């Protein structure tokens, strides 16, 4: 029983797990930010390439969809 209590105490005092959780949260927030930024830029880039494609004299662009 004492070894069980000591193991729980060591786990309770372990700061490495807290650091891992914090790093996981930071990575998750960065991923969400990248998805939002790239999602909003994606629409603008699609319009930019569509406009550039329409400007091509030969009209040799594909619709892509």
PDB file of N, CA and C in Angstrom:
ATOM      1  N   UNK A   1       0.820  -1.191   0.000  1.00  0.00           N
ATOM      2  CA  UNK A   1       0.000   0.000   0.000  1.00  0.00           C
ATOM      3  C   UNK A   1       0.867   1.260   0.000  1.00  0.00           C
ATOM      4  N   UNK A   2       1.955   1.205   0.756  1.00  0.00           N
ATOM      5  CA  UNK A   2       2.842   2.357   0.835  1.00  0.00           C
ATOM      6  C   UNK A   2       3.480   2.651  -0.520  1.00  0.00           C
ATOM      7  N   UNK A   3       3.855   1.608  -1.245  1.00  0.00           N
ATOM      8  CA  UNK A   3       4.456   1.827  -2.564  1.00  0.00           C
ATOM      9  C   UNK A   3       3.443   2.458  -3.523  1.00  0.00           C
ATOM     10  N   UNK A   4       2.190   2.091  -3.410  1.00  0.00           N
ATOM     11  CA  UNK A   4       1.132   2.679  -4.240  1.00  0.00           C
ATOM     12  C   UNK A   4       0.989   4.172  -3.944  1.00  0.00           C
ATOM     13  N   UNK A   5       1.002   4.530  -2.678  1.00  0.00           N
ATOM     14  CA  UNK A   5       0.892   5.931  -2.270  1.00  0.00           C
ATOM     15  C   UNK A   5       2.116   6.710  -2.741  1.00  0.00           C
ATOM     16  N   UNK A   6       3.301   6.120  -2.604  1.00  0.00           N
ATOM     17  CA  UNK A   6       4.522   6.791  -3.061  1.00  0.00           C
ATOM     18  C   UNK A   6       4.516   6.994  -4.570  1.00  0.00           C
ATOM     19  N   UNK A   7       4.024   6.015  -5.314  1.00  0.00           N
ATOM     20  CA  UNK A   7       3.935   6.147  -6.768  1.00  0.00           C
ATOM     21  C   UNK A   7       2.979   7.265  -7.147  1.00  0.00           C
ATOM     22  N   UNK A   8       1.837   7.323  -6.500  1.00  0.00           N
ATOM     23  CA  UNK A   8       0.884   8.402  -6.770  1.00  0.00           C
ATOM     24  C   UNK A   8       1.472   9.763  -6.412  1.00  0.00           C
ATOM     25  N   UNK A   9       2.211   9.816  -5.307  1.00  0.00           N
ATOM     26  CA  UNK A   9       2.841  11.067  -4.899  1.00  0.00           C
ATOM     27  C   UNK A   9       3.869  11.525  -5.931  1.00  0.00           C
ATOM     28  N   UNK A  10       4.670  10.597  -6.434  1.00  0.00           N
ATOM     29  CA  UNK A  10       5.668  10.936  -7.449  1.00  0.00           C
ATOM     30  C   UNK A  10       5.003  11.427  -8.729  1.00  0.00           C
ATOM     31  N   UNK A  11       3.911  10.777  -9.110  1.00  0.00           N
ATOM     32  CA  UNK A  11       3.193  11.223 -10.302  1.00  0.00           C
ATOM     33  C   UNK A  11       2.581  12.601 -10.090  1.00  0.00           C
ATOM     34  N   UNK A  12       2.099  12.853  -8.885  1.00  0.00           N
ATOM     35  CA  UNK A  12       1.489  14.141  -8.577  1.00  0.00           C
ATOM     36  C   UNK A  12       2.527  15.256  -8.638  1.00  0.00           C
ATOM     37  N   UNK A  13       3.739  14.975  -8.217  1.00  0.00           N
ATOM     38  CA  UNK A  13       4.802  15.969  -8.177  1.00  0.00           C
ATOM     39  C   UNK A  13       5.552  16.094  -9.501  1.00  0.00           C
ATOM     40  N   UNK A  14       5.272  15.251 -10.454  1.00  0.00           N
ATOM     41  CA  UNK A  14       5.985  15.241 -11.734  1.00  0.00           C
ATOM     42  C   UNK A  14       5.540  16.430 -12.578  1.00  0.00           C
ATOM     43  N   UNK A  15       6.483  17.305 -12.927  1.00  0.00           N
ATOM     44  CA  UNK A  15       6.175  18.484 -13.736  1.00  0.00           C
ATOM     45  C   UNK A  15       6.343  18.234 -15.227  1.00  0.00           C
ATOM     46  N   UNK A  16       6.987  17.144 -15.603  1.00  0.00           N
ATOM     47  CA  UNK A  16       7.223  16.874 -17.022  1.00  0.00           C
ATOM     48  C   UNK A  16       5.916  16.664 -17.767  1.00  0.00           C
ATOM     49  N   UNK A  17       4.963  16.022 -17.141  1.00  0.00           N
ATOM     50  CA  UNK A  17       3.680  15.793 -17.802  1.00  0.00           C
ATOM     51  C   UNK A  17       2.962  17.112 -18.040  1.00  0.00           C
ATOM     52  N   UNK A  18       3.057  18.034 -17.098  1.00  0.00           N
ATOM     53  CA  UNK A  18       2.427  19.341 -17.270  1.00  0.00           C
ATOM     54  C   UNK A  18       3.072  20.084 -18.434  1.00  0.00           C
ATOM     55  N   UNK A  19       4.378  19.990 -18.559  1.00  0.00           N
ATOM     56  CA  UNK A  19       5.064  20.641 -19.671  1.00  0.00           C
ATOM     57  C   UNK A  19       4.640  20.036 -20.997  1.00  0.00           C
ATOM     58  N   UNK A  20       4.479  18.733 -21.031  1.00  0.00           N
ATOM     59  CA  UNK A  20       4.050  18.075 -22.266  1.00  0.00           C
ATOM     60  C   UNK A  20       2.652  18.526 -22.655  1.00  0.00           C
ATOM     61  N   UNK A  21       1.781  18.666 -21.684  1.00  0.00           N
ATOM     62  CA  UNK A  21       0.422  19.138 -21.967  1.00  0.00           C
ATOM     63  C   UNK A  21       0.460  20.568 -22.475  1.00  0.00           C
ATOM     64  N   UNK A  22       1.281  21.400 -21.873  1.00  0.00           N
ATOM     65  CA  UNK A  22       1.396  22.791 -22.314  1.00  0.00           C
ATOM     66  C   UNK A  22       1.926  22.865 -23.741  1.00  0.00           C
ATOM     67  N   UNK A  23       2.943  22.081 -24.053  1.00  0.00           N
ATOM     68  CA  UNK A  23       3.459  22.059 -25.418  1.00  0.00           C
ATOM     69  C   UNK A  23       2.398  21.567 -26.392  1.00  0.00           C
ATOM     70  N   UNK A  24       1.630  20.583 -25.992  1.00  0.00           N
ATOM     71  CA  UNK A  24       0.551  20.087 -26.842  1.00  0.00           C
ATOM     72  C   UNK A  24      -0.487  21.154 -27.116  1.00  0.00           C
ATOM     73  N   UNK A  25      -0.839  21.925 -26.089  1.00  0.00           N
ATOM     74  CA  UNK A  25      -1.806  23.009 -26.276  1.00  0.00           C
ATOM     75  C   UNK A  25      -1.263  24.094 -27.199  1.00  0.00           C
ATOM     76  N   UNK A  26       0.006  24.438 -27.043  1.00  0.00           N
ATOM     77  CA  UNK A  26       0.617  25.450 -27.912  1.00  0.00           C
ATOM     78  C   UNK A  26       0.626  24.972 -29.356  1.00  0.00           C
ATOM     79  N   UNK A  27       1.007  23.724 -29.576  1.00  0.00           N
ATOM     80  CA  UNK A  27       1.026  23.173 -30.934  1.00  0.00           C
ATOM     81  C   UNK A  27      -0.381  23.146 -31.515  1.00  0.00           C
ATOM     82  N   UNK A  28      -1.363  22.796 -30.697  1.00  0.00           N
ATOM     83  CA  UNK A  28      -2.747  22.792 -31.159  1.00  0.00           C
ATOM     84  C   UNK A  28      -3.226  24.179 -31.551  1.00  0.00           C
ATOM     85  N   UNK A  29      -2.891  25.186 -30.757  1.00  0.00           N
ATOM     86  CA  UNK A  29      -3.283  26.557 -31.079  1.00  0.00           C
ATOM     87  C   UNK A  29      -2.600  27.049 -32.349  1.00  0.00           C
ATOM     88  N   UNK A  30      -1.341  26.691 -32.533  1.00  0.00           N
ATOM     89  CA  UNK A  30      -0.636  27.069 -33.761  1.00  0.00           C
ATOM     90  C   UNK A  30      -1.289  26.410 -34.964  1.00  0.00           C
ATOM     91  N   UNK A  31      -1.675  25.145 -34.832  1.00  0.00           N
ATOM     92  CA  UNK A  31      -2.331  24.441 -35.935  1.00  0.00           C
ATOM     93  C   UNK A  31      -3.657  25.100 -36.288  1.00  0.00           C
ATOM     94  N   UNK A  32      -4.439  25.473 -35.286  1.00  0.00           N
ATOM     95  CA  UNK A  32      -5.724  26.138 -35.544  1.00  0.00           C
ATOM     96  C   UNK A  32      -5.494  27.482 -36.227  1.00  0.00           C
ATOM     97  N   UNK A  33      -4.504  28.236 -35.762  1.00  0.00           N
ATOM     98  CA  UNK A  33      -4.203  29.531 -36.372  1.00  0.00           C
ATOM     99  C   UNK A  33      -3.782  29.363 -37.829  1.00  0.00           C
ATOM    100  N   UNK A  34      -2.951  28.370 -38.114  1.00  0.00           N
ATOM    101  CA  UNK A  34      -2.534  28.131 -39.498  1.00  0.00           C
ATOM    102  C   UNK A  34      -3.713  27.744 -40.381  1.00  0.00           C
ATOM    103  N   UNK A  35      -4.611  26.929 -39.864  1.00  0.00           N
ATOM    104  CA  UNK A  35      -5.778  26.525 -40.646  1.00  0.00           C
ATOM    105  C   UNK A  35      -6.642  27.735 -40.967  1.00  0.00           C
ATOM    106  N   UNK A  36      -6.854  28.604 -39.984  1.00  0.00           N
ATOM    107  CA  UNK A  36      -7.676  29.797 -40.207  1.00  0.00           C
ATOM    108  C   UNK A  36      -7.002  30.737 -41.197  1.00  0.00           C
ATOM    109  N   UNK A  37      -5.715  30.975 -41.016  1.00  0.00           N
ATOM    110  CA  UNK A  37      -4.993  31.900 -41.899  1.00  0.00           C
ATOM    111  C   UNK A  37      -4.934  31.362 -43.318  1.00  0.00           C
ATOM    112  N   UNK A  38      -4.555  30.105 -43.466  1.00  0.00           N
ATOM    113  CA  UNK A  38      -4.453  29.533 -44.808  1.00  0.00           C
ATOM    114  C   UNK A  38      -5.820  29.387 -45.460  1.00  0.00           C
ATOM    115  N   UNK A  39      -6.852  29.163 -44.664  1.00  0.00           N
ATOM    116  CA  UNK A  39      -8.204  29.089 -45.206  1.00  0.00           C
ATOM    117  C   UNK A  39      -8.654  30.417 -45.777  1.00  0.00           C
ATOM    118  N   UNK A  40      -8.366  31.499 -45.066  1.00  0.00           N
ATOM    119  CA  UNK A  40      -8.761  32.813 -45.567  1.00  0.00           C
ATOM    120  C   UNK A  40      -7.878  33.248 -46.731  1.00  0.00           C
ATOM    121  N   UNK A  41      -6.605  32.897 -46.703  1.00  0.00           N
ATOM    122  CA  UNK A  41      -5.725  33.226 -47.824  1.00  0.00           C
ATOM    123  C   UNK A  41      -6.050  32.385 -49.049  1.00  0.00           C
ATOM    124  N   UNK A  42      -6.547  31.188 -48.829  1.00  0.00           N
ATOM    125  CA  UNK A  42      -6.853  30.295 -49.943  1.00  0.00           C
ATOM    126  C   UNK A  42      -7.874  30.886 -50.890  1.00  0.00           C
ATOM    127  N   UNK A  43      -8.907  31.530 -50.348  1.00  0.00           N
ATOM    128  CA  UNK A  43      -9.926  32.145 -51.191  1.00  0.00           C
ATOM    129  C   UNK A  43      -9.338  33.298 -51.992  1.00  0.00           C
ATOM    130  N   UNK A  44      -8.506  34.106 -51.350  1.00  0.00           N
ATOM    131  CA  UNK A  44      -7.871  35.224 -52.043  1.00  0.00           C
ATOM    132  C   UNK A  44      -6.903  34.753 -53.113  1.00  0.00           C
ATOM    133  N   UNK A  45      -6.140  33.706 -52.814  1.00  0.00           N
ATOM    134  CA  UNK A  45      -5.201  33.176 -53.800  1.00  0.00           C
ATOM    135  C   UNK A  45      -5.929  32.558 -54.981  1.00  0.00           C
ATOM    136  N   UNK A  46      -7.050  31.899 -54.707  1.00  0.00           N
ATOM    137  CA  UNK A  46      -7.825  31.319 -55.798  1.00  0.00           C
ATOM    138  C   UNK A  46      -8.323  32.420 -56.730  1.00  0.00           C
ATOM    139  N   UNK A  47      -8.802  33.521 -56.175  1.00  0.00           N
ATOM    140  CA  UNK A  47      -9.270  34.642 -56.992  1.00  0.00           C
ATOM    141  C   UNK A  47      -8.116  35.261 -57.773  1.00  0.00           C
ATOM    142  N   UNK A  48      -6.947  35.363 -57.137  1.00  0.00           N
ATOM    143  CA  UNK A  48      -5.778  35.934 -57.803  1.00  0.00           C
ATOM    144  C   UNK A  48      -5.353  35.085 -58.992  1.00  0.00           C
ATOM    145  N   UNK A  49      -5.287  33.778 -58.808  1.00  0.00           N
ATOM    146  CA  UNK A  49      -4.892  32.896 -59.903  1.00  0.00           C
ATOM    147  C   UNK A  49      -5.959  32.845 -60.991  1.00  0.00           C
ATOM    148  N   UNK A  50      -7.216  32.937 -60.604  1.00  0.00           N
ATOM    149  CA  UNK A  50      -8.296  32.955 -61.595  1.00  0.00           C
ATOM    150  C   UNK A  50      -8.188  34.207 -62.455  1.00  0.00           C
ATOM    151  N   UNK A  51      -7.921  35.340 -61.815  1.00  0.00           N
ATOM    152  CA  UNK A  51      -7.761  36.590 -62.555  1.00  0.00           C
ATOM    153  C   UNK A  51      -6.552  36.521 -63.483  1.00  0.00           C
ATOM    154  N   UNK A  52      -5.445  35.983 -62.999  1.00  0.00           N
ATOM    155  CA  UNK A  52      -4.252  35.847 -63.833  1.00  0.00           C
ATOM    156  C   UNK A  52      -4.513  34.897 -64.987  1.00  0.00           C
ATOM    157  N   UNK A  53      -5.254  33.847 -64.728  1.00  0.00           N
ATOM    158  CA  UNK A  53      -5.578  32.874 -65.759  1.00  0.00           C
ATOM    159  C   UNK A  53      -6.466  33.500 -66.830  1.00  0.00           C
ATOM    160  N   UNK A  54      -7.390  34.355 -66.408  1.00  0.00           N
ATOM    161  CA  UNK A  54      -8.271  35.019 -67.360  1.00  0.00           C
ATOM    162  C   UNK A  54      -7.513  36.011 -68.236  1.00  0.00           C
ATOM    163  N   UNK A  55      -6.387  36.515 -67.725  1.00  0.00           N
ATOM    164  CA  UNK A  55      -5.589  37.482 -68.472  1.00  0.00           C
ATOM    165  C   UNK A  55      -4.718  36.834 -69.544  1.00  0.00           C
ATOM    166  N   UNK A  56      -4.584  35.541 -69.483  1.00  0.00           N
ATOM    167  CA  UNK A  56      -3.752  34.849 -70.467  1.00  0.00           C
ATOM    168  C   UNK A  56      -4.397  34.995 -71.847  1.00  0.00           C
ATOM    169  N   UNK A  57      -3.631  35.447 -72.807  1.00  0.00           N
ATOM    170  CA  UNK A  57      -4.164  35.738 -74.139  1.00  0.00           C
ATOM    171  C   UNK A  57      -4.669  34.477 -74.821  1.00  0.00           C
ATOM    172  N   UNK A  58      -3.930  33.379 -74.703  1.00  0.00           N
ATOM    173  CA  UNK A  58      -4.321  32.152 -75.381  1.00  0.00           C
ATOM    174  C   UNK A  58      -5.487  31.452 -74.697  1.00  0.00           C
ATOM    175  N   UNK A  59      -5.791  31.812 -73.489  1.00  0.00           N
ATOM    176  CA  UNK A  59      -6.894  31.174 -72.776  1.00  0.00           C
ATOM    177  C   UNK A  59      -6.620  29.727 -72.446  1.00  0.00           C
ATOM    178  N   UNK A  60      -5.381  29.373 -72.246  1.00  0.00           N
ATOM    179  CA  UNK A  60      -5.018  27.985 -72.001  1.00  0.00           C
ATOM    180  C   UNK A  60      -5.030  27.601 -70.543  1.00  0.00           C
ATOM    181  N   UNK A  61      -6.004  28.051 -69.801  1.00  0.00           N
ATOM    182  CA  UNK A  61      -6.048  27.664 -68.391  1.00  0.00           C
ATOM    183  C   UNK A  61      -7.169  26.662 -68.167  1.00  0.00           C
ATOM    184  N   UNK A  62      -6.982  25.838 -67.165  1.00  0.00           N
ATOM    185  CA  UNK A  62      -8.026  24.875 -66.819  1.00  0.00           C
ATOM    186  C   UNK A  62      -8.862  25.446 -65.689  1.00  0.00           C
ATOM    187  N   UNK A  63     -10.078  24.993 -65.586  1.00  0.00           N
ATOM    188  CA  UNK A  63     -10.975  25.523 -64.558  1.00  0.00           C
ATOM    189  C   UNK A  63     -10.611  25.004 -63.178  1.00  0.00           C
ATOM    190  N   UNK A  64     -10.015  23.837 -63.077  1.00  0.00           N
ATOM    191  CA  UNK A  64      -9.596  23.287 -61.803  1.00  0.00           C
ATOM    192  C   UNK A  64     -10.709  22.658 -61.005  1.00  0.00           C
ATOM    193  N   UNK A  65     -11.926  22.712 -61.471  1.00  0.00           N
ATOM    194  CA  UNK A  65     -13.007  22.077 -60.720  1.00  0.00           C
ATOM    195  C   UNK A  65     -13.917  21.300 -61.628  1.00  0.00           C
TER     196      UNK A  65
END
